[in-house]
Protein backbone atom coordinates (compact mmCIF):
# COMPACT_ATOMS: atom_id res chain seq x y z
CA MET A 1 66.99 -15.00 113.62
CA GLU A 2 70.70 -15.34 112.94
CA GLU A 3 70.36 -13.39 109.70
CA GLU A 4 68.77 -10.49 111.54
CA ALA A 5 71.52 -10.46 114.17
CA SER A 6 74.13 -10.63 111.43
CA ALA A 7 72.49 -7.74 109.59
CA LEU A 8 72.51 -5.66 112.77
CA LEU A 9 76.13 -6.47 113.66
CA LYS A 10 77.62 -5.83 110.20
CA PRO A 11 77.52 -2.00 110.45
CA VAL A 12 79.07 -2.13 113.92
CA ALA A 13 81.75 -4.52 112.67
CA ARG A 14 82.51 -2.16 109.76
CA ILE A 15 82.96 0.77 112.15
CA ILE A 16 85.27 -1.27 114.39
CA LEU A 17 87.23 -2.43 111.32
CA THR A 18 87.64 1.15 110.11
CA VAL A 19 88.87 2.29 113.52
CA ALA A 20 91.27 -0.66 113.75
CA LYS A 21 92.69 0.04 110.26
CA SER A 22 93.12 3.71 111.14
CA LEU A 23 94.98 2.84 114.34
CA LEU A 24 97.20 0.41 112.44
CA TRP A 25 98.05 3.08 109.86
CA LEU A 26 98.70 5.63 112.60
CA SER A 27 101.01 3.31 114.52
CA TRP A 28 102.92 2.46 111.33
CA GLU A 29 103.37 6.17 110.60
CA LEU A 30 104.61 6.70 114.14
CA ILE A 31 107.15 3.89 113.87
CA ILE A 32 108.49 4.86 110.47
CA GLN A 33 108.49 8.62 110.76
CA THR A 34 109.21 9.31 114.39
CA ILE A 35 111.52 6.47 115.35
CA GLY A 36 113.12 5.99 111.92
CA TRP A 37 113.78 9.70 111.45
CA SER A 38 115.12 10.25 114.97
CA ILE A 39 117.58 7.35 114.90
CA GLY A 40 118.51 7.94 111.27
CA TRP A 41 119.09 11.63 111.89
CA VAL A 42 121.59 10.89 114.67
CA VAL A 43 123.37 8.20 112.64
CA CYS A 44 123.58 10.41 109.53
CA ARG A 45 124.81 13.38 111.53
CA LEU A 46 127.53 11.28 113.18
CA VAL A 47 128.68 9.70 109.92
CA SER A 48 128.59 12.95 107.93
CA PHE A 49 130.16 15.03 110.72
CA GLY A 50 127.03 17.17 111.08
CA THR A 51 126.35 18.00 107.44
CA PHE A 52 123.51 15.62 106.51
CA PRO A 53 120.62 16.10 106.85
CA LYS A 54 120.56 19.87 107.01
CA GLU A 55 117.17 19.86 108.77
CA ARG A 56 116.93 19.80 112.55
CA VAL A 57 115.92 16.61 114.29
CA SER A 58 112.43 18.07 114.68
CA GLY A 59 112.39 19.24 111.06
CA ILE A 60 111.05 16.16 109.30
CA ASP A 61 108.23 18.24 107.85
CA ASP A 62 110.79 20.61 106.29
CA ALA A 63 112.81 17.81 104.66
CA LEU A 64 112.36 16.82 101.05
CA TRP A 65 110.53 13.51 100.73
CA PHE A 66 113.54 11.55 99.43
CA VAL A 67 115.83 12.96 102.15
CA ALA A 68 113.28 11.96 104.78
CA LEU A 69 112.94 8.52 103.20
CA ILE A 70 116.70 7.95 103.15
CA VAL A 71 117.12 9.06 106.76
CA GLU A 72 114.17 6.95 107.94
CA ILE A 73 115.47 3.83 106.14
CA ILE A 74 118.94 4.36 107.58
CA GLY A 75 117.44 4.72 111.04
CA LEU A 76 115.36 1.57 110.79
CA VAL A 77 118.21 -0.47 109.28
CA PHE A 78 120.51 0.74 112.04
CA LEU A 79 117.93 -0.22 114.67
CA VAL A 80 117.50 -3.72 113.21
CA CYS A 81 121.28 -4.21 112.96
CA MET A 82 121.81 -3.01 116.51
CA VAL A 83 119.15 -5.35 117.88
CA ASN A 84 120.58 -8.25 115.87
CA TRP A 85 124.12 -7.54 117.07
CA LEU A 86 123.08 -7.12 120.69
CA ASN A 87 121.01 -10.30 120.52
CA GLY A 88 124.04 -12.24 119.27
CA PHE A 89 126.27 -10.63 121.89
CA VAL A 90 123.95 -11.36 124.81
CA ASN A 91 122.85 -14.84 123.74
CA GLY A 92 126.28 -15.90 122.53
């Protein structure tokens, strides 16, 4: 009886697993691309006095892959550093 129930539930579990993995991938893409690019774009523009990156803040699709990667990494590192600094400042 348990084997039959397990055989019936496996396809449903696979579908749920596929949906969950897709949502995880989508959320990761949202965090890296949207948040990383937006924060990194502002930081890079401030540091480079408006010269890097040449793309608009909404132009991540127009950026070369390595430019987008650099800006996203800068944005995420800045975010982590800011949270760490503020945490130390608030909690003493």
